[in-house]
Each structure stands twice: as structure tokens, then as C-alpha cells.
Amino acid sequence: MTHHRRLQPSPSAVALAIATATNRYLHPAAATKTTTLSAPDSFLHGLPEKLRDLTTQDAEDDMIPAPNFDTHVFCKVVDTIGTFQLDQDSSVDLEEGELYLLPFKPIRDLLLDQSIILI
């Protein structure tokens, strides 16, 4: 009769294995990105210096601007919601399949739980 014992690796051994695997696959890609995009013939070389970093996150030169939450959006109701309070003075009846033009900020949670979709 053979007995097998299940081995449980320590959390630090698991973390080390994940880090090693991550470095093995991501490091070459990161190095390629750095050398390719910084080469003199790269399309980024023709851009102003402050726009060459694809992850710039400041108000003036943001490569990925934040959405305007104070705008209105067209949306379609996926599931009937019923009366929905937009603000303290107004509400709307949201019925399945109907299309609406609504302010984004109050309906954001409905979008996240997929009760409505943007169109």
C-alpha cells in the first residue's frame, strides 16, 4: 500500500515562484517596449517629450483623460428598474428596452451592475 502526502508550499515559496514566472515573461516585453519605443526612428520620437510617456497622468497632458461625469448619455434599460431618483427634485421610470438620455453621474451604479447599457 502506498501512502501519498500532500505537500503545501509555504506562502513565501508561492510568492517567489510567481515573481520568477512573472519576471521571465514580462521582463523581455518591458525591455522590448523600452528599446523599441525609445529608438530614434520610433513614432514616439516625433512627439513632444512630455507626450512620449504613454502613461502620463496629469491634468494638462493626460494621455488617458478621465470621462466627464457631468454630461448626459444615451442608455438602454436591460431590466425594468421602476422609479429611479436622479436627484432630489427629479425621478424617472426606467422600463426594460426603453431608451433614455440621462445624466451620467446618478446612473453610474446602474451601468456598473449592467441594469442599463450605454448606446
N, C-alpha and C. Protein backbone atom coordinates (compact mmCIF):
# COMPACT_ATOMS: atom_id res chain seq x y z
N MET A 1 0.85 -1.17 0.00
CA MET A 1 0.00 0.00 0.00
C MET A 1 0.90 1.24 0.00
N THR A 2 0.60 2.16 -0.90
CA THR A 2 1.38 3.39 -0.99
C THR A 2 0.59 4.53 -0.40
N HIS A 3 1.24 5.28 0.43
CA HIS A 3 0.61 6.46 1.03
C HIS A 3 1.18 7.71 0.38
N HIS A 4 0.30 8.62 0.06
CA HIS A 4 0.73 9.89 -0.53
C HIS A 4 0.43 11.01 0.45
N ARG A 5 1.36 11.88 0.55
CA ARG A 5 1.17 13.01 1.44
C ARG A 5 1.12 14.28 0.58
N ARG A 6 0.14 15.08 0.83
CA ARG A 6 0.00 16.33 0.08
C ARG A 6 0.95 17.37 0.67
N LEU A 7 1.76 17.95 -0.18
CA LEU A 7 2.70 18.97 0.27
C LEU A 7 2.10 20.35 0.04
N GLN A 8 2.17 21.16 1.03
CA GLN A 8 1.68 22.53 0.93
C GLN A 8 2.88 23.46 0.89
N PRO A 9 3.11 24.15 -0.23
CA PRO A 9 4.23 25.08 -0.26
C PRO A 9 3.96 26.27 0.65
N SER A 10 5.01 26.82 1.19
CA SER A 10 4.86 27.98 2.06
C SER A 10 4.43 29.18 1.21
N PRO A 11 3.74 30.14 1.83
CA PRO A 11 3.33 31.33 1.07
C PRO A 11 4.51 32.05 0.43
N SER A 12 5.67 32.07 1.09
CA SER A 12 6.83 32.74 0.51
C SER A 12 7.35 31.99 -0.71
N ALA A 13 7.25 30.66 -0.70
CA ALA A 13 7.68 29.87 -1.86
C ALA A 13 6.75 30.12 -3.05
N VAL A 14 5.46 30.25 -2.77
CA VAL A 14 4.49 30.54 -3.83
C VAL A 14 4.76 31.93 -4.41
N ALA A 15 4.98 32.91 -3.54
CA ALA A 15 5.25 34.27 -3.98
C ALA A 15 6.51 34.32 -4.83
N LEU A 16 7.55 33.59 -4.42
CA LEU A 16 8.79 33.55 -5.18
C LEU A 16 8.56 32.92 -6.56
N ALA A 17 7.79 31.84 -6.61
CA ALA A 17 7.51 31.18 -7.89
C ALA A 17 6.74 32.11 -8.83
N ILE A 18 5.78 32.84 -8.29
CA ILE A 18 5.00 33.78 -9.11
C ILE A 18 5.90 34.90 -9.62
N ALA A 19 6.73 35.45 -8.74
CA ALA A 19 7.64 36.54 -9.13
C ALA A 19 8.61 36.07 -10.21
N THR A 20 9.13 34.85 -10.06
CA THR A 20 10.07 34.32 -11.05
C THR A 20 9.40 34.15 -12.40
N ALA A 21 8.20 33.57 -12.40
CA ALA A 21 7.47 33.38 -13.65
C ALA A 21 7.11 34.72 -14.29
N THR A 22 6.70 35.66 -13.47
CA THR A 22 6.34 36.98 -13.98
C THR A 22 7.55 37.65 -14.63
N ASN A 23 8.69 37.62 -13.95
CA ASN A 23 9.90 38.24 -14.50
C ASN A 23 10.33 37.57 -15.80
N ARG A 24 10.19 36.26 -15.86
CA ARG A 24 10.62 35.52 -17.05
C ARG A 24 9.81 35.96 -18.28
N TYR A 25 8.50 36.23 -18.10
CA TYR A 25 7.67 36.58 -19.24
C TYR A 25 7.54 38.08 -19.47
N LEU A 26 7.51 38.86 -18.42
CA LEU A 26 7.28 40.29 -18.57
C LEU A 26 8.55 41.09 -18.81
N HIS A 27 9.66 40.66 -18.25
CA HIS A 27 10.89 41.43 -18.40
C HIS A 27 11.29 41.60 -19.87
N PRO A 28 11.29 40.54 -20.69
CA PRO A 28 11.64 40.73 -22.10
C PRO A 28 10.68 41.68 -22.82
N ALA A 29 9.41 41.61 -22.50
CA ALA A 29 8.44 42.50 -23.14
C ALA A 29 8.69 43.95 -22.73
N ALA A 30 8.98 44.17 -21.46
CA ALA A 30 9.26 45.53 -20.99
C ALA A 30 10.54 46.06 -21.63
N ALA A 31 11.54 45.22 -21.74
CA ALA A 31 12.80 45.64 -22.36
C ALA A 31 12.57 45.98 -23.83
N THR A 32 11.78 45.16 -24.53
CA THR A 32 11.48 45.42 -25.94
C THR A 32 10.73 46.73 -26.09
N LYS A 33 9.75 46.97 -25.22
CA LYS A 33 8.99 48.22 -25.28
C LYS A 33 9.91 49.41 -25.09
N THR A 34 10.81 49.31 -24.11
CA THR A 34 11.71 50.42 -23.82
C THR A 34 12.63 50.70 -25.00
N THR A 35 13.25 49.67 -25.56
CA THR A 35 14.19 49.89 -26.66
C THR A 35 13.48 50.25 -27.95
N THR A 36 12.35 49.64 -28.24
CA THR A 36 11.64 49.91 -29.48
C THR A 36 11.02 51.30 -29.49
N LEU A 37 10.34 51.65 -28.42
CA LEU A 37 9.65 52.93 -28.40
C LEU A 37 10.58 54.12 -28.18
N SER A 38 11.78 53.87 -27.66
CA SER A 38 12.70 54.98 -27.46
C SER A 38 13.71 55.11 -28.59
N ALA A 39 13.63 54.23 -29.59
CA ALA A 39 14.54 54.30 -30.73
C ALA A 39 14.30 55.58 -31.52
N PRO A 40 15.36 56.15 -32.14
CA PRO A 40 15.20 57.40 -32.89
C PRO A 40 14.19 57.32 -34.02
N ASP A 41 13.96 56.13 -34.59
CA ASP A 41 13.01 56.02 -35.69
C ASP A 41 11.60 55.64 -35.21
N SER A 42 11.39 55.59 -33.90
CA SER A 42 10.07 55.28 -33.35
C SER A 42 9.12 56.44 -33.59
N PHE A 43 7.84 56.15 -33.75
CA PHE A 43 6.86 57.22 -33.93
C PHE A 43 6.82 58.14 -32.72
N LEU A 44 7.17 57.62 -31.54
CA LEU A 44 7.17 58.46 -30.34
C LEU A 44 8.26 59.53 -30.40
N HIS A 45 9.32 59.25 -31.15
CA HIS A 45 10.42 60.22 -31.24
C HIS A 45 9.94 61.53 -31.88
N GLY A 46 8.92 61.46 -32.71
CA GLY A 46 8.39 62.66 -33.36
C GLY A 46 7.45 63.46 -32.48
N LEU A 47 7.06 62.92 -31.34
CA LEU A 47 6.16 63.63 -30.43
C LEU A 47 6.95 64.52 -29.48
N PRO A 48 6.31 65.56 -28.95
CA PRO A 48 6.97 66.34 -27.91
C PRO A 48 7.34 65.44 -26.72
N GLU A 49 8.44 65.76 -26.06
CA GLU A 49 8.96 64.93 -24.97
C GLU A 49 7.90 64.59 -23.93
N LYS A 50 7.08 65.56 -23.55
CA LYS A 50 6.10 65.32 -22.49
C LYS A 50 4.98 64.37 -22.92
N LEU A 51 4.84 64.10 -24.23
CA LEU A 51 3.80 63.17 -24.70
C LEU A 51 4.35 61.79 -25.05
N ARG A 52 5.63 61.55 -24.84
CA ARG A 52 6.22 60.26 -25.21
C ARG A 52 5.90 59.15 -24.22
N ASP A 53 5.57 59.50 -23.00
CA ASP A 53 5.21 58.50 -22.00
C ASP A 53 3.73 58.19 -22.15
N LEU A 54 3.41 56.95 -22.48
CA LEU A 54 2.02 56.57 -22.73
C LEU A 54 1.18 56.53 -21.47
N THR A 55 1.79 56.66 -20.31
CA THR A 55 1.03 56.56 -19.06
C THR A 55 0.97 57.88 -18.31
N THR A 56 1.27 58.99 -18.96
CA THR A 56 1.24 60.29 -18.29
C THR A 56 -0.13 60.51 -17.67
N GLN A 57 -0.15 60.90 -16.42
CA GLN A 57 -1.41 61.12 -15.72
C GLN A 57 -1.37 62.46 -14.99
N ASP A 58 -1.44 63.54 -15.72
CA ASP A 58 -1.59 64.84 -15.08
C ASP A 58 -2.68 65.60 -15.82
N ALA A 59 -3.17 66.65 -15.22
CA ALA A 59 -4.33 67.35 -15.76
C ALA A 59 -4.04 67.99 -17.12
N GLU A 60 -2.82 68.43 -17.34
CA GLU A 60 -2.51 69.17 -18.56
C GLU A 60 -2.25 68.26 -19.76
N ASP A 61 -1.48 67.19 -19.57
CA ASP A 61 -1.04 66.35 -20.68
C ASP A 61 -1.46 64.90 -20.50
N ASP A 62 -2.66 64.65 -20.08
CA ASP A 62 -3.09 63.29 -19.78
C ASP A 62 -3.34 62.51 -21.06
N MET A 63 -2.64 61.37 -21.21
CA MET A 63 -2.83 60.52 -22.39
C MET A 63 -4.15 59.75 -22.31
N ILE A 64 -4.67 59.56 -21.10
CA ILE A 64 -5.93 58.85 -20.90
C ILE A 64 -6.83 59.76 -20.07
N PRO A 65 -7.55 60.66 -20.71
CA PRO A 65 -8.35 61.62 -19.93
C PRO A 65 -9.50 60.94 -19.19
N ALA A 66 -9.82 61.50 -18.05
CA ALA A 66 -10.96 60.99 -17.27
C ALA A 66 -12.26 61.38 -17.97
N PRO A 67 -13.27 60.53 -17.88
CA PRO A 67 -14.55 60.87 -18.51
C PRO A 67 -15.22 62.04 -17.80
N ASN A 68 -16.07 62.74 -18.52
CA ASN A 68 -16.82 63.85 -17.94
C ASN A 68 -18.08 63.27 -17.30
N PHE A 69 -18.09 63.19 -15.98
CA PHE A 69 -19.22 62.61 -15.26
C PHE A 69 -20.41 63.56 -15.18
N ASP A 70 -20.23 64.80 -15.59
CA ASP A 70 -21.31 65.78 -15.53
C ASP A 70 -22.04 65.93 -16.86
N THR A 71 -21.88 64.98 -17.75
CA THR A 71 -22.54 65.03 -19.05
C THR A 71 -23.73 64.08 -19.08
N HIS A 72 -24.52 64.15 -20.14
CA HIS A 72 -25.65 63.24 -20.33
C HIS A 72 -25.25 62.15 -21.31
N VAL A 73 -25.83 60.97 -21.16
CA VAL A 73 -25.52 59.83 -22.02
C VAL A 73 -26.81 59.16 -22.48
N PHE A 74 -26.74 58.55 -23.67
CA PHE A 74 -27.86 57.75 -24.15
C PHE A 74 -27.69 56.35 -23.58
N CYS A 75 -28.77 55.79 -23.08
CA CYS A 75 -28.69 54.45 -22.50
C CYS A 75 -29.97 53.67 -22.77
N LYS A 76 -29.85 52.36 -22.64
CA LYS A 76 -30.98 51.44 -22.82
C LYS A 76 -31.11 50.62 -21.55
N VAL A 77 -32.35 50.47 -21.07
CA VAL A 77 -32.61 49.73 -19.85
C VAL A 77 -32.65 48.24 -20.18
N VAL A 78 -31.84 47.45 -19.49
CA VAL A 78 -31.78 46.00 -19.70
C VAL A 78 -32.88 45.31 -18.90
N ASP A 79 -33.03 45.67 -17.64
CA ASP A 79 -34.06 45.11 -16.77
C ASP A 79 -34.88 46.26 -16.19
N THR A 80 -36.20 46.09 -16.11
CA THR A 80 -37.04 47.13 -15.55
C THR A 80 -36.57 47.48 -14.14
N ILE A 81 -36.38 48.76 -13.91
CA ILE A 81 -35.90 49.25 -12.62
C ILE A 81 -37.03 49.92 -11.86
N GLY A 82 -37.96 50.51 -12.59
CA GLY A 82 -39.05 51.25 -11.95
C GLY A 82 -38.63 52.69 -11.73
N THR A 83 -39.20 53.32 -10.74
CA THR A 83 -38.90 54.72 -10.46
C THR A 83 -37.48 54.85 -9.92
N PHE A 84 -36.70 55.69 -10.58
CA PHE A 84 -35.30 55.90 -10.18
C PHE A 84 -35.09 57.38 -9.90
N GLN A 85 -34.54 57.68 -8.75
CA GLN A 85 -34.30 59.06 -8.32
C GLN A 85 -33.01 59.58 -8.95
N LEU A 86 -33.12 60.58 -9.83
CA LEU A 86 -31.94 61.17 -10.47
C LEU A 86 -31.25 62.18 -9.55
N ASP A 87 -32.05 62.99 -8.89
CA ASP A 87 -31.55 63.93 -7.88
C ASP A 87 -32.71 64.18 -6.93
N GLN A 88 -32.55 65.10 -6.01
CA GLN A 88 -33.61 65.26 -5.02
C GLN A 88 -34.89 65.85 -5.60
N ASP A 89 -34.82 66.43 -6.80
CA ASP A 89 -36.01 67.04 -7.40
C ASP A 89 -36.61 66.25 -8.56
N SER A 90 -35.92 65.27 -9.11
CA SER A 90 -36.46 64.59 -10.28
C SER A 90 -36.21 63.09 -10.24
N SER A 91 -37.16 62.37 -10.82
CA SER A 91 -37.05 60.91 -10.93
C SER A 91 -37.55 60.50 -12.31
N VAL A 92 -37.29 59.26 -12.68
CA VAL A 92 -37.70 58.75 -13.98
C VAL A 92 -38.08 57.28 -13.81
N ASP A 93 -39.07 56.83 -14.59
CA ASP A 93 -39.46 55.41 -14.60
C ASP A 93 -38.64 54.70 -15.66
N LEU A 94 -37.78 53.79 -15.25
CA LEU A 94 -36.90 53.07 -16.17
C LEU A 94 -37.50 51.71 -16.48
N GLU A 95 -37.97 51.57 -17.72
CA GLU A 95 -38.63 50.34 -18.17
C GLU A 95 -37.74 49.57 -19.14
N GLU A 96 -37.76 48.25 -19.05
CA GLU A 96 -36.95 47.38 -19.89
C GLU A 96 -37.12 47.69 -21.37
N GLY A 97 -35.99 47.80 -22.08
CA GLY A 97 -36.00 48.03 -23.52
C GLY A 97 -36.13 49.48 -23.94
N GLU A 98 -36.45 50.37 -23.04
CA GLU A 98 -36.63 51.78 -23.38
C GLU A 98 -35.28 52.50 -23.45
N LEU A 99 -35.23 53.54 -24.28
CA LEU A 99 -34.04 54.36 -24.45
C LEU A 99 -34.22 55.68 -23.73
N TYR A 100 -33.15 56.17 -23.12
CA TYR A 100 -33.21 57.41 -22.35
C TYR A 100 -31.95 58.24 -22.59
N LEU A 101 -32.07 59.54 -22.41
CA LEU A 101 -30.94 60.46 -22.34
C LEU A 101 -30.92 60.94 -20.90
N LEU A 102 -29.92 60.49 -20.13
CA LEU A 102 -29.88 60.75 -18.69
C LEU A 102 -28.52 61.29 -18.27
N PRO A 103 -28.49 62.02 -17.15
CA PRO A 103 -27.19 62.46 -16.63
C PRO A 103 -26.38 61.23 -16.17
N PHE A 104 -25.10 61.25 -16.48
CA PHE A 104 -24.26 60.09 -16.20
C PHE A 104 -24.09 59.80 -14.72
N LYS A 105 -23.80 60.83 -13.94
CA LYS A 105 -23.42 60.63 -12.54
C LYS A 105 -24.45 59.81 -11.75
N PRO A 106 -25.75 60.11 -11.81
CA PRO A 106 -26.70 59.33 -10.99
C PRO A 106 -26.88 57.88 -11.46
N ILE A 107 -26.64 57.61 -12.75
CA ILE A 107 -26.89 56.25 -13.25
C ILE A 107 -25.62 55.39 -13.29
N ARG A 108 -24.52 55.90 -12.82
CA ARG A 108 -23.25 55.18 -12.89
C ARG A 108 -23.34 53.78 -12.26
N ASP A 109 -23.94 53.66 -11.10
CA ASP A 109 -24.06 52.34 -10.46
C ASP A 109 -24.93 51.38 -11.27
N LEU A 110 -25.95 51.91 -11.95
CA LEU A 110 -26.79 51.06 -12.80
C LEU A 110 -25.98 50.52 -13.98
N LEU A 111 -25.06 51.32 -14.48
CA LEU A 111 -24.17 50.86 -15.55
C LEU A 111 -23.24 49.77 -15.04
N LEU A 112 -22.69 49.98 -13.86
CA LEU A 112 -21.75 49.01 -13.31
C LEU A 112 -22.40 47.66 -13.03
N ASP A 113 -23.66 47.66 -12.58
CA ASP A 113 -24.32 46.37 -12.34
C ASP A 113 -25.08 45.88 -13.58
N GLN A 114 -24.90 46.57 -14.70
CA GLN A 114 -25.43 46.20 -16.02
C GLN A 114 -26.95 46.16 -16.08
N SER A 115 -27.61 46.97 -15.24
CA SER A 115 -29.06 47.13 -15.35
C SER A 115 -29.41 47.98 -16.55
N ILE A 116 -28.48 48.85 -16.95
CA ILE A 116 -28.61 49.65 -18.17
C ILE A 116 -27.29 49.58 -18.92
N ILE A 117 -27.35 49.86 -20.23
CA ILE A 117 -26.14 49.89 -21.04
C ILE A 117 -26.10 51.20 -21.82
N LEU A 118 -24.90 51.65 -22.14
CA LEU A 118 -24.76 52.85 -22.97
C LEU A 118 -24.97 52.47 -24.43
N ILE A 119 -25.57 53.39 -25.18
CA ILE A 119 -25.75 53.15 -26.62
C ILE A 119 -25.19 54.31 -27.41
